[in-house]
């Protein structure tokens, strides 16, 4: 996952984020400038992105609904996130279907087509 998709995220001026089942960021990789901007909104390792912590956002909503979701610009609950668009999907264990985390692509709203 990291080797294959992170370079695509980088080229698209986005970042890839992986969280655990509680919405805590495990790692992120992608465009260097976007990684720096992500720090300004606490989208970094160890940060909590469940809806209870951050309101409506792709990671938290995908975690709560257990389905893929895209959250564009002002659809985010927190105003500081209105310049971002994020798409997230649950990752499931192929053996038993159990949720094991979330994979997310995030970047400036201008880099996405909602």
PDB file of N, CA and C in Angstrom:
ATOM      1  N   UNK A   1       0.836  -1.189   0.000  1.00  0.00           N
ATOM      2  CA  UNK A   1       0.000   0.000   0.000  1.00  0.00           C
ATOM      3  C   UNK A   1       0.877   1.248   0.000  1.00  0.00           C
ATOM      4  N   UNK A   2       1.802   1.296   0.919  1.00  0.00           N
ATOM      5  CA  UNK A   2       2.655   2.478   1.048  1.00  0.00           C
ATOM      6  C   UNK A   2       3.475   2.696  -0.216  1.00  0.00           C
ATOM      7  N   UNK A   3       4.101   1.647  -0.711  1.00  0.00           N
ATOM      8  CA  UNK A   3       4.978   1.784  -1.879  1.00  0.00           C
ATOM      9  C   UNK A   3       4.193   2.114  -3.142  1.00  0.00           C
ATOM     10  N   UNK A   4       3.030   1.536  -3.295  1.00  0.00           N
ATOM     11  CA  UNK A   4       2.279   1.704  -4.527  1.00  0.00           C
ATOM     12  C   UNK A   4       1.486   2.992  -4.627  1.00  0.00           C
ATOM     13  N   UNK A   5       0.796   3.372  -3.567  1.00  0.00           N
ATOM     14  CA  UNK A   5      -0.124   4.499  -3.662  1.00  0.00           C
ATOM     15  C   UNK A   5       0.453   5.825  -3.201  1.00  0.00           C
ATOM     16  N   UNK A   6       1.453   5.802  -2.334  1.00  0.00           N
ATOM     17  CA  UNK A   6       1.998   7.057  -1.816  1.00  0.00           C
ATOM     18  C   UNK A   6       2.608   7.907  -2.924  1.00  0.00           C
ATOM     19  N   UNK A   7       3.242   7.277  -3.901  1.00  0.00           N
ATOM     20  CA  UNK A   7       3.832   8.053  -4.996  1.00  0.00           C
ATOM     21  C   UNK A   7       2.745   8.683  -5.867  1.00  0.00           C
ATOM     22  N   UNK A   8       1.613   8.017  -6.000  1.00  0.00           N
ATOM     23  CA  UNK A   8       0.489   8.578  -6.755  1.00  0.00           C
ATOM     24  C   UNK A   8      -0.086   9.779  -6.009  1.00  0.00           C
ATOM     25  N   UNK A   9      -0.226   9.655  -4.691  1.00  0.00           N
ATOM     26  CA  UNK A   9      -0.708  10.772  -3.877  1.00  0.00           C
ATOM     27  C   UNK A   9       0.242  11.958  -3.982  1.00  0.00           C
ATOM     28  N   UNK A  10       1.533  11.685  -3.952  1.00  0.00           N
ATOM     29  CA  UNK A  10       2.533  12.743  -4.066  1.00  0.00           C
ATOM     30  C   UNK A  10       2.370  13.491  -5.387  1.00  0.00           C
ATOM     31  N   UNK A  11       2.280  12.770  -6.483  1.00  0.00           N
ATOM     32  CA  UNK A  11       2.154  13.391  -7.802  1.00  0.00           C
ATOM     33  C   UNK A  11       0.859  14.195  -7.934  1.00  0.00           C
ATOM     34  N   UNK A  12      -0.184  13.796  -7.226  1.00  0.00           N
ATOM     35  CA  UNK A  12      -1.478  14.478  -7.284  1.00  0.00           C
ATOM     36  C   UNK A  12      -1.585  15.612  -6.268  1.00  0.00           C
ATOM     37  N   UNK A  13      -0.495  15.923  -5.572  1.00  0.00           N
ATOM     38  CA  UNK A  13      -0.458  16.950  -4.526  1.00  0.00           C
ATOM     39  C   UNK A  13      -1.433  16.631  -3.401  1.00  0.00           C
ATOM     40  N   UNK A  14      -1.394  15.377  -2.979  1.00  0.00           N
ATOM     41  CA  UNK A  14      -2.227  14.899  -1.888  1.00  0.00           C
ATOM     42  C   UNK A  14      -1.366  14.041  -0.964  1.00  0.00           C
ATOM     43  N   UNK A  15      -1.968  13.596   0.131  1.00  0.00           N
ATOM     44  CA  UNK A  15      -1.278  12.674   1.029  1.00  0.00           C
ATOM     45  C   UNK A  15      -2.169  11.465   1.290  1.00  0.00           C
ATOM     46  N   UNK A  16      -1.531  10.357   1.586  1.00  0.00           N
ATOM     47  CA  UNK A  16      -2.233   9.150   1.988  1.00  0.00           C
ATOM     48  C   UNK A  16      -2.076   9.013   3.500  1.00  0.00           C
ATOM     49  N   UNK A  17      -3.163   8.673   4.165  1.00  0.00           N
ATOM     50  CA  UNK A  17      -3.175   8.547   5.620  1.00  0.00           C
ATOM     51  C   UNK A  17      -3.775   7.191   5.972  1.00  0.00           C
ATOM     52  N   UNK A  18      -3.186   6.504   6.940  1.00  0.00           N
ATOM     53  CA  UNK A  18      -3.737   5.250   7.448  1.00  0.00           C
ATOM     54  C   UNK A  18      -3.965   5.418   8.945  1.00  0.00           C
ATOM     55  N   UNK A  19      -5.158   5.012   9.400  1.00  0.00           N
ATOM     56  CA  UNK A  19      -5.480   5.104  10.826  1.00  0.00           C
ATOM     57  C   UNK A  19      -5.801   3.723  11.385  1.00  0.00           C
ATOM     58  N   UNK A  20      -5.862   3.665  12.702  1.00  0.00           N
ATOM     59  CA  UNK A  20      -6.304   2.438  13.360  1.00  0.00           C
ATOM     60  C   UNK A  20      -7.828   2.455  13.465  1.00  0.00           C
ATOM     61  N   UNK A  21      -8.386   1.512  14.193  1.00  0.00           N
ATOM     62  CA  UNK A  21      -9.845   1.387  14.302  1.00  0.00           C
ATOM     63  C   UNK A  21     -10.479   2.475  15.161  1.00  0.00           C
ATOM     64  N   UNK A  22      -9.671   3.283  15.820  1.00  0.00           N
ATOM     65  CA  UNK A  22     -10.192   4.391  16.619  1.00  0.00           C
ATOM     66  C   UNK A  22      -9.978   5.736  15.933  1.00  0.00           C
ATOM     67  N   UNK A  23      -9.462   5.714  14.703  1.00  0.00           N
ATOM     68  CA  UNK A  23      -9.242   6.947  13.971  1.00  0.00           C
ATOM     69  C   UNK A  23      -7.948   7.662  14.304  1.00  0.00           C
ATOM     70  N   UNK A  24      -7.036   6.998  14.985  1.00  0.00           N
ATOM     71  CA  UNK A  24      -5.722   7.593  15.283  1.00  0.00           C
ATOM     72  C   UNK A  24      -4.796   7.368  14.101  1.00  0.00           C
ATOM     73  N   UNK A  25      -4.122   8.424  13.673  1.00  0.00           N
ATOM     74  CA  UNK A  25      -3.238   8.348  12.515  1.00  0.00           C
ATOM     75  C   UNK A  25      -2.020   7.493  12.851  1.00  0.00           C
ATOM     76  N   UNK A  26      -1.806   6.439  12.050  1.00  0.00           N
ATOM     77  CA  UNK A  26      -0.642   5.567  12.216  1.00  0.00           C
ATOM     78  C   UNK A  26       0.519   6.049  11.367  1.00  0.00           C
ATOM     79  N   UNK A  27       0.234   6.408  10.134  1.00  0.00           N
ATOM     80  CA  UNK A  27       1.265   6.984   9.260  1.00  0.00           C
ATOM     81  C   UNK A  27       0.612   7.763   8.143  1.00  0.00           C
ATOM     82  N   UNK A  28       1.422   8.617   7.529  1.00  0.00           N
ATOM     83  CA  UNK A  28       0.972   9.417   6.399  1.00  0.00           C
ATOM     84  C   UNK A  28       2.161   9.646   5.484  1.00  0.00           C
ATOM     85  N   UNK A  29       1.886   9.774   4.226  1.00  0.00           N
ATOM     86  CA  UNK A  29       2.959   9.937   3.251  1.00  0.00           C
ATOM     87  C   UNK A  29       2.376  10.585   2.007  1.00  0.00           C
ATOM     88  N   UNK A  30       3.206  11.319   1.283  1.00  0.00           N
ATOM     89  CA  UNK A  30       2.751  11.947   0.054  1.00  0.00           C
ATOM     90  C   UNK A  30       3.503  13.222  -0.224  1.00  0.00           C
ATOM     91  N   UNK A  31       2.821  14.180  -0.814  1.00  0.00           N
ATOM     92  CA  UNK A  31       3.414  15.440  -1.227  1.00  0.00           C
ATOM     93  C   UNK A  31       3.964  16.207  -0.023  1.00  0.00           C
ATOM     94  N   UNK A  32       5.225  16.620  -0.107  1.00  0.00           N
ATOM     95  CA  UNK A  32       5.901  17.267   1.020  1.00  0.00           C
ATOM     96  C   UNK A  32       5.201  18.551   1.451  1.00  0.00           C
ATOM     97  N   UNK A  33       4.805  19.382   0.513  1.00  0.00           N
ATOM     98  CA  UNK A  33       4.130  20.636   0.862  1.00  0.00           C
ATOM     99  C   UNK A  33       2.791  20.367   1.549  1.00  0.00           C
ATOM    100  N   UNK A  34       2.073  19.365   1.090  1.00  0.00           N
ATOM    101  CA  UNK A  34       0.780  19.026   1.696  1.00  0.00           C
ATOM    102  C   UNK A  34       0.997  18.416   3.079  1.00  0.00           C
ATOM    103  N   UNK A  35       2.049  17.638   3.261  1.00  0.00           N
ATOM    104  CA  UNK A  35       2.367  17.109   4.593  1.00  0.00           C
ATOM    105  C   UNK A  35       2.599  18.250   5.580  1.00  0.00           C
ATOM    106  N   UNK A  36       3.286  19.302   5.142  1.00  0.00           N
ATOM    107  CA  UNK A  36       3.509  20.460   6.022  1.00  0.00           C
ATOM    108  C   UNK A  36       2.183  21.141   6.359  1.00  0.00           C
ATOM    109  N   UNK A  37       1.323  21.317   5.363  1.00  0.00           N
ATOM    110  CA  UNK A  37       0.000  21.916   5.612  1.00  0.00           C
ATOM    111  C   UNK A  37      -0.835  21.040   6.538  1.00  0.00           C
ATOM    112  N   UNK A  38      -0.686  19.732   6.406  1.00  0.00           N
ATOM    113  CA  UNK A  38      -1.443  18.800   7.246  1.00  0.00           C
ATOM    114  C   UNK A  38      -1.068  18.953   8.718  1.00  0.00           C
ATOM    115  N   UNK A  39       0.186  19.274   8.989  1.00  0.00           N
ATOM    116  CA  UNK A  39       0.592  19.497  10.382  1.00  0.00           C
ATOM    117  C   UNK A  39      -0.176  20.667  10.987  1.00  0.00           C
ATOM    118  N   UNK A  40      -0.476  21.677  10.190  1.00  0.00           N
ATOM    119  CA  UNK A  40      -1.204  22.848  10.688  1.00  0.00           C
ATOM    120  C   UNK A  40      -2.608  22.496  11.159  1.00  0.00           C
ATOM    121  N   UNK A  41      -3.178  21.412  10.646  1.00  0.00           N
ATOM    122  CA  UNK A  41      -4.523  20.992  11.064  1.00  0.00           C
ATOM    123  C   UNK A  41      -4.466  19.717  11.915  1.00  0.00           C
ATOM    124  N   UNK A  42      -3.276  19.384  12.390  1.00  0.00           N
ATOM    125  CA  UNK A  42      -3.056  18.202  13.246  1.00  0.00           C
ATOM    126  C   UNK A  42      -3.366  16.884  12.546  1.00  0.00           C
ATOM    127  N   UNK A  43      -3.206  16.843  11.241  1.00  0.00           N
ATOM    128  CA  UNK A  43      -3.341  15.582  10.507  1.00  0.00           C
ATOM    129  C   UNK A  43      -1.952  14.961  10.460  1.00  0.00           C
ATOM    130  N   UNK A  44      -1.581  14.371  11.600  1.00  0.00           N
ATOM    131  CA  UNK A  44      -0.237  13.828  11.772  1.00  0.00           C
ATOM    132  C   UNK A  44      -0.299  12.591  12.651  1.00  0.00           C
ATOM    133  N   UNK A  45       0.805  11.857  12.693  1.00  0.00           N
ATOM    134  CA  UNK A  45       0.854  10.616  13.451  1.00  0.00           C
ATOM    135  C   UNK A  45       0.395  10.842  14.896  1.00  0.00           C
ATOM    136  N   UNK A  46      -0.490   9.953  15.358  1.00  0.00           N
ATOM    137  CA  UNK A  46      -0.983  10.002  16.727  1.00  0.00           C
ATOM    138  C   UNK A  46      -2.231  10.839  16.922  1.00  0.00           C
ATOM    139  N   UNK A  47      -2.584  11.673  15.954  1.00  0.00           N
ATOM    140  CA  UNK A  47      -3.750  12.543  16.091  1.00  0.00           C
ATOM    141  C   UNK A  47      -5.047  11.743  15.970  1.00  0.00           C
ATOM    142  N   UNK A  48      -6.079  12.195  16.689  1.00  0.00           N
ATOM    143  CA  UNK A  48      -7.382  11.530  16.702  1.00  0.00           C
ATOM    144  C   UNK A  48      -8.307  12.175  15.677  1.00  0.00           C
ATOM    145  N   UNK A  49      -8.822  11.369  14.736  1.00  0.00           N
ATOM    146  CA  UNK A  49      -9.713  11.870  13.692  1.00  0.00           C
ATOM    147  C   UNK A  49     -11.083  11.194  13.700  1.00  0.00           C
ATOM    148  N   UNK A  50     -11.444  10.534  14.797  1.00  0.00           N
ATOM    149  CA  UNK A  50     -12.802   9.999  14.926  1.00  0.00           C
ATOM    150  C   UNK A  50     -13.770  11.180  14.981  1.00  0.00           C
ATOM    151  N   UNK A  51     -15.018  10.975  14.588  1.00  0.00           N
ATOM    152  CA  UNK A  51     -15.994  12.064  14.597  1.00  0.00           C
ATOM    153  C   UNK A  51     -16.155  12.684  15.970  1.00  0.00           C
ATOM    154  N   UNK A  52     -16.050  11.891  17.023  1.00  0.00           N
ATOM    155  CA  UNK A  52     -16.195  12.423  18.379  1.00  0.00           C
ATOM    156  C   UNK A  52     -15.112  13.449  18.704  1.00  0.00           C
ATOM    157  N   UNK A  53     -13.960  13.324  18.074  1.00  0.00           N
ATOM    158  CA  UNK A  53     -12.847  14.238  18.333  1.00  0.00           C
ATOM    159  C   UNK A  53     -12.816  15.409  17.362  1.00  0.00           C
ATOM    160  N   UNK A  54     -13.212  15.186  16.107  1.00  0.00           N
ATOM    161  CA  UNK A  54     -12.969  16.167  15.053  1.00  0.00           C
ATOM    162  C   UNK A  54     -14.224  16.535  14.262  1.00  0.00           C
ATOM    163  N   UNK A  55     -15.365  15.991  14.606  1.00  0.00           N
ATOM    164  CA  UNK A  55     -16.572  16.290  13.844  1.00  0.00           C
ATOM    165  C   UNK A  55     -16.545  15.620  12.481  1.00  0.00           C
ATOM    166  N   UNK A  56     -17.389  16.076  11.574  1.00  0.00           N
ATOM    167  CA  UNK A  56     -17.476  15.468  10.247  1.00  0.00           C
ATOM    168  C   UNK A  56     -16.162  15.632   9.501  1.00  0.00           C
ATOM    169  N   UNK A  57     -15.598  14.504   9.105  1.00  0.00           N
ATOM    170  CA  UNK A  57     -14.390  14.437   8.283  1.00  0.00           C
ATOM    171  C   UNK A  57     -14.384  13.054   7.653  1.00  0.00           C
ATOM    172  N   UNK A  58     -13.637  12.854   6.591  1.00  0.00           N
ATOM    173  CA  UNK A  58     -13.707  11.578   5.869  1.00  0.00           C
ATOM    174  C   UNK A  58     -13.275  10.397   6.730  1.00  0.00           C
ATOM    175  N   UNK A  59     -12.192  10.547   7.474  1.00  0.00           N
ATOM    176  CA  UNK A  59     -11.719   9.441   8.315  1.00  0.00           C
ATOM    177  C   UNK A  59     -12.780   9.074   9.344  1.00  0.00           C
ATOM    178  N   UNK A  60     -13.242  10.060  10.101  1.00  0.00           N
ATOM    179  CA  UNK A  60     -14.205   9.801  11.164  1.00  0.00           C
ATOM    180  C   UNK A  60     -15.538   9.291  10.657  1.00  0.00           C
ATOM    181  N   UNK A  61     -16.005   9.836   9.545  1.00  0.00           N
ATOM    182  CA  UNK A  61     -17.293   9.412   9.006  1.00  0.00           C
ATOM    183  C   UNK A  61     -17.206   8.015   8.405  1.00  0.00           C
ATOM    184  N   UNK A  62     -16.111   7.705   7.716  1.00  0.00           N
ATOM    185  CA  UNK A  62     -15.925   6.341   7.197  1.00  0.00           C
ATOM    186  C   UNK A  62     -15.839   5.343   8.346  1.00  0.00           C
ATOM    187  N   UNK A  63     -15.217   5.759   9.425  1.00  0.00           N
ATOM    188  CA  UNK A  63     -15.105   4.901  10.607  1.00  0.00           C
ATOM    189  C   UNK A  63     -16.483   4.666  11.234  1.00  0.00           C
ATOM    190  N   UNK A  64     -17.270   5.714  11.359  1.00  0.00           N
ATOM    191  CA  UNK A  64     -18.593   5.599  11.980  1.00  0.00           C
ATOM    192  C   UNK A  64     -19.582   4.837  11.100  1.00  0.00           C
ATOM    193  N   UNK A  65     -19.571   5.112   9.803  1.00  0.00           N
ATOM    194  CA  UNK A  65     -20.546   4.504   8.891  1.00  0.00           C
ATOM    195  C   UNK A  65     -20.086   3.174   8.314  1.00  0.00           C
ATOM    196  N   UNK A  66     -18.767   2.913   8.412  1.00  0.00           N
ATOM    197  CA  UNK A  66     -18.171   1.674   7.885  1.00  0.00           C
ATOM    198  C   UNK A  66     -18.324   1.557   6.365  1.00  0.00           C
ATOM    199  N   UNK A  67     -18.351   2.706   5.679  1.00  0.00           N
ATOM    200  CA  UNK A  67     -18.434   2.744   4.215  1.00  0.00           C
ATOM    201  C   UNK A  67     -17.478   3.816   3.694  1.00  0.00           C
ATOM    202  N   UNK A  68     -17.084   3.722   2.419  1.00  0.00           N
ATOM    203  CA  UNK A  68     -16.251   4.777   1.831  1.00  0.00           C
ATOM    204  C   UNK A  68     -17.016   6.102   1.772  1.00  0.00           C
ATOM    205  N   UNK A  69     -16.287   7.193   1.925  1.00  0.00           N
ATOM    206  CA  UNK A  69     -16.924   8.520   1.933  1.00  0.00           C
ATOM    207  C   UNK A  69     -15.944   9.569   1.444  1.00  0.00           C
ATOM    208  N   UNK A  70     -16.466  10.607   0.839  1.00  0.00           N
ATOM    209  CA  UNK A  70     -15.657  11.783   0.502  1.00  0.00           C
ATOM    210  C   UNK A  70     -16.277  12.981   1.198  1.00  0.00           C
ATOM    211  N   UNK A  71     -15.448  13.791   1.828  1.00  0.00           N
ATOM    212  CA  UNK A  71     -15.906  15.017   2.477  1.00  0.00           C
ATOM    213  C   UNK A  71     -15.169  16.168   1.804  1.00  0.00           C
ATOM    214  N   UNK A  72     -15.934  17.057   1.193  1.00  0.00           N
ATOM    215  CA  UNK A  72     -15.365  18.141   0.387  1.00  0.00           C
ATOM    216  C   UNK A  72     -15.528  19.483   1.092  1.00  0.00           C
ATOM    217  N   UNK A  73     -14.448  20.175   1.258  1.00  0.00           N
ATOM    218  CA  UNK A  73     -14.425  21.572   1.660  1.00  0.00           C
ATOM    219  C   UNK A  73     -15.331  21.865   2.864  1.00  0.00           C
ATOM    220  N   UNK A  74     -16.357  22.683   2.683  1.00  0.00           N
ATOM    221  CA  UNK A  74     -17.208  23.125   3.791  1.00  0.00           C
ATOM    222  C   UNK A  74     -18.096  22.024   4.366  1.00  0.00           C
ATOM    223  N   UNK A  75     -18.046  20.820   3.807  1.00  0.00           N
ATOM    224  CA  UNK A  75     -18.757  19.697   4.434  1.00  0.00           C
ATOM    225  C   UNK A  75     -18.075  19.291   5.736  1.00  0.00           C
ATOM    226  N   UNK A  76     -16.805  19.679   5.921  1.00  0.00           N
ATOM    227  CA  UNK A  76     -16.114  19.409   7.186  1.00  0.00           C
ATOM    228  C   UNK A  76     -16.762  20.235   8.298  1.00  0.00           C
ATOM    229  N   UNK A  77     -16.845  19.662   9.472  1.00  0.00           N
ATOM    230  CA  UNK A  77     -17.430  20.357  10.619  1.00  0.00           C
ATOM    231  C   UNK A  77     -16.559  21.527  11.057  1.00  0.00           C
ATOM    232  N   UNK A  78     -15.256  21.325  11.084  1.00  0.00           N
ATOM    233  CA  UNK A  78     -14.324  22.345  11.572  1.00  0.00           C
ATOM    234  C   UNK A  78     -13.939  23.280  10.424  1.00  0.00           C
ATOM    235  N   UNK A  79     -14.108  24.561  10.643  1.00  0.00           N
ATOM    236  CA  UNK A  79     -13.849  25.567   9.604  1.00  0.00           C
ATOM    237  C   UNK A  79     -12.423  25.501   9.069  1.00  0.00           C
ATOM    238  N   UNK A  80     -11.452  25.196   9.900  1.00  0.00           N
ATOM    239  CA  UNK A  80     -10.051  25.122   9.460  1.00  0.00           C
ATOM    240  C   UNK A  80      -9.837  24.040   8.403  1.00  0.00           C
ATOM    241  N   UNK A  81     -10.778  23.109   8.273  1.00  0.00           N
ATOM    242  CA  UNK A  81     -10.666  22.025   7.296  1.00  0.00           C
ATOM    243  C   UNK A  81     -11.372  22.341   5.981  1.00  0.00           C
ATOM    244  N   UNK A  82     -11.995  23.498   5.878  1.00  0.00           N
ATOM    245  CA  UNK A  82     -12.770  23.830   4.682  1.00  0.00           C
ATOM    246  C   UNK A  82     -11.918  23.954   3.427  1.00  0.00           C
ATOM    247  N   UNK A  83     -10.629  24.125   3.559  1.00  0.00           N
ATOM    248  CA  UNK A  83      -9.740  24.167   2.403  1.00  0.00           C
ATOM    249  C   UNK A  83      -9.279  22.798   1.937  1.00  0.00           C
ATOM    250  N   UNK A  84      -9.789  21.750   2.574  1.00  0.00           N
ATOM    251  CA  UNK A  84      -9.365  20.373   2.298  1.00  0.00           C
ATOM    252  C   UNK A  84     -10.508  19.560   1.716  1.00  0.00           C
ATOM    253  N   UNK A  85     -10.148  18.551   0.949  1.00  0.00           N
ATOM    254  CA  UNK A  85     -11.079  17.499   0.541  1.00  0.00           C
ATOM    255  C   UNK A  85     -10.405  16.171   0.853  1.00  0.00           C
ATOM    256  N   UNK A  86     -11.185  15.248   1.392  1.00  0.00           N
ATOM    257  CA  UNK A  86     -10.636  13.971   1.840  1.00  0.00           C
ATOM    258  C   UNK A  86     -11.572  12.841   1.430  1.00  0.00           C
ATOM    259  N   UNK A  87     -10.998  11.729   1.046  1.00  0.00           N
ATOM    260  CA  UNK A  87     -11.768  10.533   0.701  1.00  0.00           C
ATOM    261  C   UNK A  87     -11.197   9.378   1.507  1.00  0.00           C
ATOM    262  N   UNK A  88     -12.057   8.661   2.209  1.00  0.00           N
ATOM    263  CA  UNK A  88     -11.593   7.591   3.094  1.00  0.00           C
ATOM    264  C   UNK A  88     -12.440   6.341   2.915  1.00  0.00           C
ATOM    265  N   UNK A  89     -11.827   5.202   3.215  1.00  0.00           N
ATOM    266  CA  UNK A  89     -12.534   3.924   3.113  1.00  0.00           C
ATOM    267  C   UNK A  89     -12.065   2.993   4.222  1.00  0.00           C
ATOM    268  N   UNK A  90     -12.974   2.172   4.722  1.00  0.00           N
ATOM    269  CA  UNK A  90     -12.588   1.181   5.726  1.00  0.00           C
ATOM    270  C   UNK A  90     -11.666   0.122   5.121  1.00  0.00           C
ATOM    271  N   UNK A  91     -10.766  -0.377   5.937  1.00  0.00           N
ATOM    272  CA  UNK A  91      -9.909  -1.506   5.566  1.00  0.00           C
ATOM    273  C   UNK A  91     -10.348  -2.668   6.444  1.00  0.00           C
ATOM    274  N   UNK A  92     -10.659  -3.787   5.809  1.00  0.00           N
ATOM    275  CA  UNK A  92     -11.169  -4.951   6.550  1.00  0.00           C
ATOM    276  C   UNK A  92     -10.217  -6.129   6.438  1.00  0.00           C
ATOM    277  N   UNK A  93     -10.191  -6.936   7.483  1.00  0.00           N
ATOM    278  CA  UNK A  93      -9.418  -8.170   7.476  1.00  0.00           C
ATOM    279  C   UNK A  93     -10.091  -9.119   6.486  1.00  0.00           C
ATOM    280  N   UNK A  94      -9.362  -9.603   5.478  1.00  0.00           N
ATOM    281  CA  UNK A  94      -9.993 -10.461   4.468  1.00  0.00           C
ATOM    282  C   UNK A  94     -10.466 -11.804   5.022  1.00  0.00           C
ATOM    283  N   UNK A  95      -9.947 -12.210   6.164  1.00  0.00           N
ATOM    284  CA  UNK A  95     -10.351 -13.506   6.727  1.00  0.00           C
ATOM    285  C   UNK A  95     -11.702 -13.459   7.401  1.00  0.00           C
ATOM    286  N   UNK A  96     -11.976 -12.371   8.136  1.00  0.00           N
ATOM    287  CA  UNK A  96     -13.220 -12.344   8.906  1.00  0.00           C
ATOM    288  C   UNK A  96     -14.044 -11.067   8.714  1.00  0.00           C
ATOM    289  N   UNK A  97     -13.579 -10.153   7.875  1.00  0.00           N
ATOM    290  CA  UNK A  97     -14.324  -8.932   7.608  1.00  0.00           C
ATOM    291  C   UNK A  97     -14.234  -7.876   8.691  1.00  0.00           C
ATOM    292  N   UNK A  98     -13.464  -8.160   9.722  1.00  0.00           N
ATOM    293  CA  UNK A  98     -13.327  -7.228  10.850  1.00  0.00           C
ATOM    294  C   UNK A  98     -12.622  -5.948  10.392  1.00  0.00           C
ATOM    295  N   UNK A  99     -13.116  -4.798  10.851  1.00  0.00           N
ATOM    296  CA  UNK A  99     -12.490  -3.520  10.542  1.00  0.00           C
ATOM    297  C   UNK A  99     -11.107  -3.466  11.185  1.00  0.00           C
ATOM    298  N   UNK A 100     -10.090  -3.095  10.393  1.00  0.00           N
ATOM    299  CA  UNK A 100      -8.738  -2.984  10.954  1.00  0.00           C
ATOM    300  C   UNK A 100      -8.173  -1.572  10.814  1.00  0.00           C
ATOM    301  N   UNK A 101      -8.903  -0.682  10.155  1.00  0.00           N
ATOM    302  CA  UNK A 101      -8.441   0.693  10.043  1.00  0.00           C
ATOM    303  C   UNK A 101      -9.122   1.419   8.905  1.00  0.00           C
ATOM    304  N   UNK A 102      -8.578   2.588   8.607  1.00  0.00           N
ATOM    305  CA  UNK A 102      -9.092   3.444   7.537  1.00  0.00           C
ATOM    306  C   UNK A 102      -7.921   3.875   6.669  1.00  0.00           C
ATOM    307  N   UNK A 103      -8.127   3.903   5.360  1.00  0.00           N
ATOM    308  CA  UNK A 103      -7.155   4.492   4.442  1.00  0.00           C
ATOM    309  C   UNK A 103      -7.811   5.743   3.854  1.00  0.00           C
ATOM    310  N   UNK A 104      -7.040   6.819   3.795  1.00  0.00           N
ATOM    311  CA  UNK A 104      -7.573   8.122   3.413  1.00  0.00           C
ATOM    312  C   UNK A 104      -6.625   8.814   2.446  1.00  0.00           C
ATOM    313  N   UNK A 105      -7.181   9.528   1.504  1.00  0.00           N
ATOM    314  CA  UNK A 105      -6.421  10.431   0.640  1.00  0.00           C
ATOM    315  C   UNK A 105      -6.943  11.830   0.938  1.00  0.00           C
ATOM    316  N   UNK A 106      -6.034  12.738   1.298  1.00  0.00           N
ATOM    317  CA  UNK A 106      -6.416  14.103   1.656  1.00  0.00           C
ATOM    318  C   UNK A 106      -5.542  15.099   0.922  1.00  0.00           C
ATOM    319  N   UNK A 107      -6.110  16.254   0.658  1.00  0.00           N
ATOM    320  CA  UNK A 107      -5.336  17.305   0.024  1.00  0.00           C
ATOM    321  C   UNK A 107      -6.139  18.576  -0.104  1.00  0.00           C
ATOM    322  N   UNK A 108      -5.511  19.599  -0.652  1.00  0.00           N
ATOM    323  CA  UNK A 108      -6.229  20.852  -0.875  1.00  0.00           C
ATOM    324  C   UNK A 108      -7.477  20.603  -1.721  1.00  0.00           C
ATOM    325  N   UNK A 109      -8.556  21.287  -1.385  1.00  0.00           N
ATOM    326  CA  UNK A 109      -9.820  21.079  -2.097  1.00  0.00           C
ATOM    327  C   UNK A 109      -9.657  21.260  -3.600  1.00  0.00           C
ATOM    328  N   UNK A 110      -8.740  22.111  -4.011  1.00  0.00           N
ATOM    329  CA  UNK A 110      -8.546  22.368  -5.441  1.00  0.00           C
ATOM    330  C   UNK A 110      -7.954  21.178  -6.193  1.00  0.00           C
ATOM    331  N   UNK A 111      -7.431  20.181  -5.482  1.00  0.00           N
ATOM    332  CA  UNK A 111      -6.819  19.022  -6.141  1.00  0.00           C
ATOM    333  C   UNK A 111      -7.799  17.871  -6.336  1.00  0.00           C
ATOM    334  N   UNK A 112      -9.039  18.034  -5.887  1.00  0.00           N
ATOM    335  CA  UNK A 112     -10.060  16.990  -5.999  1.00  0.00           C
ATOM    336  C   UNK A 112     -11.184  17.448  -6.906  1.00  0.00           C
ATOM    337  N   UNK A 113     -11.881  16.490  -7.455  1.00  0.00           N
ATOM    338  CA  UNK A 113     -13.116  16.767  -8.179  1.00  0.00           C
ATOM    339  C   UNK A 113     -14.229  16.066  -7.416  1.00  0.00           C
ATOM    340  N   UNK A 114     -15.056  16.831  -6.683  1.00  0.00           N
ATOM    341  CA  UNK A 114     -16.104  16.196  -5.865  1.00  0.00           C
ATOM    342  C   UNK A 114     -17.114  15.550  -6.685  1.00  0.00           C
TER     343      UNK A 114
END
